[in-house]
Amino acid sequence: MGSSKAKSMVHQRKKPSKLMWTQSWRRLNKKGKDDGVQKKRTRKVAKVQRAIVGVSLEEIRKKRSVVRPKVAATDAGAKEVKDKKKNKALLPRGGAAVPKNQKGAASAPAKNIGQKR
């Protein structure tokens, strides 16, 4: 034991890694010497494609490159929806584009007041 403080903490059963003034806490929390050491870089794993028994690598690549009709149809459908949304966003909120100075063209029809059904 180095000091009475350390002795007291041992008797209280305190963990050294919980006490900020101990070396173990400083080691755990990466305090202290910093000689410009960088973190180790992890290597990105290169994926290697291998042939399966009975199927060559070229055949696998051909099958992957073929666009399935179902996938193509969903892509085309999604594109149509996007185009519709784009066109809808370009129009003003009121519907058809009518200049503000033309009153009669865009106004609502007159109500039939006083007529019974």
Protein backbone atom coordinates (compact mmCIF):
# COMPACT_ATOMS: atom_id res chain seq x y z
CA MET A 1 0.00 0.00 0.00
CA GLY A 2 1.31 3.38 -0.96
CA SER A 3 -0.67 5.64 1.35
CA SER A 4 -3.25 5.69 4.10
CA LYS A 5 -5.80 6.74 1.49
CA ALA A 6 -5.10 3.58 -0.53
CA LYS A 7 -5.16 1.45 2.63
CA SER A 8 -8.52 2.93 3.63
CA MET A 9 -10.01 2.19 0.20
CA VAL A 10 -8.81 -1.44 0.33
CA HIS A 11 -10.44 -1.90 3.75
CA GLN A 12 -13.68 -0.41 2.36
CA ARG A 13 -13.45 -2.96 -0.48
CA LYS A 14 -13.50 -0.28 -3.17
CA LYS A 15 -12.49 -1.33 -6.66
CA PRO A 16 -9.38 0.51 -7.85
CA SER A 17 -10.89 0.86 -11.33
CA LYS A 18 -13.72 2.98 -9.84
CA LEU A 19 -11.36 5.44 -8.15
CA MET A 20 -10.26 8.22 -10.51
CA TRP A 21 -6.88 8.75 -8.86
CA THR A 22 -5.65 5.16 -9.37
CA GLN A 23 -3.53 3.84 -12.23
CA SER A 24 -6.10 1.16 -13.07
CA TRP A 25 -8.81 3.82 -13.62
CA ARG A 26 -6.45 5.83 -15.82
CA ARG A 27 -5.61 2.69 -17.83
CA LEU A 28 -9.28 1.78 -18.30
CA ASN A 29 -10.28 5.30 -19.37
CA LYS A 30 -7.26 5.76 -21.66
CA LYS A 31 -5.68 8.63 -19.77
CA GLY A 32 -1.98 9.26 -19.57
CA LYS A 33 0.67 8.89 -22.26
CA ASP A 34 -0.33 9.73 -25.80
CA ASP A 35 2.65 9.37 -28.12
CA GLY A 36 0.57 9.94 -31.22
CA VAL A 37 -0.36 6.28 -31.42
CA GLN A 38 -3.15 5.73 -33.90
CA LYS A 39 -5.83 3.08 -33.67
CA LYS A 40 -5.18 -0.09 -35.59
CA ARG A 41 -7.01 -0.03 -38.88
CA THR A 42 -9.25 -2.96 -39.63
CA ARG A 43 -8.96 -4.45 -43.07
CA LYS A 44 -12.03 -4.69 -45.22
CA VAL A 45 -12.61 -8.30 -46.17
CA ALA A 46 -12.56 -8.83 -49.92
CA LYS A 47 -15.42 -11.04 -51.04
CA VAL A 48 -14.32 -13.84 -53.33
CA GLN A 49 -16.84 -15.64 -55.46
CA ARG A 50 -16.25 -19.34 -56.03
CA ALA A 51 -17.89 -21.78 -58.38
CA ILE A 52 -20.36 -24.32 -57.02
CA VAL A 53 -20.06 -27.99 -57.99
CA GLY A 54 -21.78 -28.41 -61.34
CA VAL A 55 -22.03 -24.65 -62.06
CA SER A 56 -19.17 -22.58 -63.35
CA LEU A 57 -18.39 -19.07 -62.16
CA GLU A 58 -19.34 -17.54 -65.54
CA GLU A 59 -22.81 -19.13 -65.38
CA ILE A 60 -23.38 -17.73 -61.88
CA ARG A 61 -22.39 -14.24 -63.06
CA LYS A 62 -24.71 -14.48 -66.08
CA LYS A 63 -27.64 -15.47 -63.88
CA ARG A 64 -26.98 -12.58 -61.52
CA SER A 65 -26.77 -10.04 -64.34
CA VAL A 66 -30.10 -11.09 -65.90
CA VAL A 67 -32.88 -8.66 -64.92
CA ARG A 68 -35.94 -10.56 -63.79
CA PRO A 69 -39.25 -9.35 -65.29
CA LYS A 70 -40.92 -9.09 -61.89
CA VAL A 71 -38.13 -6.85 -60.54
CA ALA A 72 -38.17 -4.75 -63.72
CA ALA A 73 -41.96 -4.30 -63.42
CA THR A 74 -41.75 -3.12 -59.80
CA ASP A 75 -38.96 -0.70 -60.71
CA ALA A 76 -41.04 0.72 -63.57
CA GLY A 77 -44.07 1.05 -61.29
CA ALA A 78 -42.04 2.86 -58.65
CA LYS A 79 -40.69 5.22 -61.30
CA GLU A 80 -44.24 6.05 -62.49
CA VAL A 81 -45.35 6.85 -58.94
CA LYS A 82 -42.34 9.12 -58.46
CA ASP A 83 -43.07 10.94 -61.72
CA LYS A 84 -46.71 11.48 -60.70
CA LYS A 85 -45.65 12.87 -57.33
CA LYS A 86 -43.15 15.17 -59.01
CA ASN A 87 -45.77 16.51 -61.43
CA LYS A 88 -48.28 16.95 -58.60
CA ALA A 89 -45.73 18.94 -56.57
CA LEU A 90 -45.14 21.30 -59.52
CA LEU A 91 -48.84 22.25 -59.73
CA PRO A 92 -50.22 24.80 -57.24
CA ARG A 93 -52.34 23.52 -54.33
CA GLY A 94 -55.69 24.73 -55.75
CA GLY A 95 -55.61 22.25 -58.63
CA ALA A 96 -55.47 23.70 -62.14
CA ALA A 97 -53.31 26.75 -62.66
CA VAL A 98 -55.63 29.80 -63.10
CA PRO A 99 -54.41 33.40 -62.96
CA LYS A 100 -55.75 35.38 -59.98
CA ASN A 101 -57.10 38.26 -62.09
CA GLN A 102 -59.69 36.04 -63.82
CA LYS A 103 -62.63 35.91 -61.39
CA GLY A 104 -65.34 34.10 -63.35
CA ALA A 105 -63.30 31.13 -64.56
CA ALA A 106 -62.23 29.74 -61.20
CA SER A 107 -65.15 30.78 -58.96
CA ALA A 108 -67.63 28.22 -57.62
CA PRO A 109 -71.10 27.96 -59.19
CA ALA A 110 -73.80 30.16 -57.64
CA LYS A 111 -76.07 28.52 -55.06
CA ASN A 112 -79.76 28.22 -55.84
CA ILE A 113 -81.21 30.24 -52.97
CA GLY A 114 -84.93 30.01 -52.29
CA GLN A 115 -85.69 26.93 -54.36
CA LYS A 116 -87.27 23.85 -52.78
CA ARG A 117 -86.22 20.35 -53.60
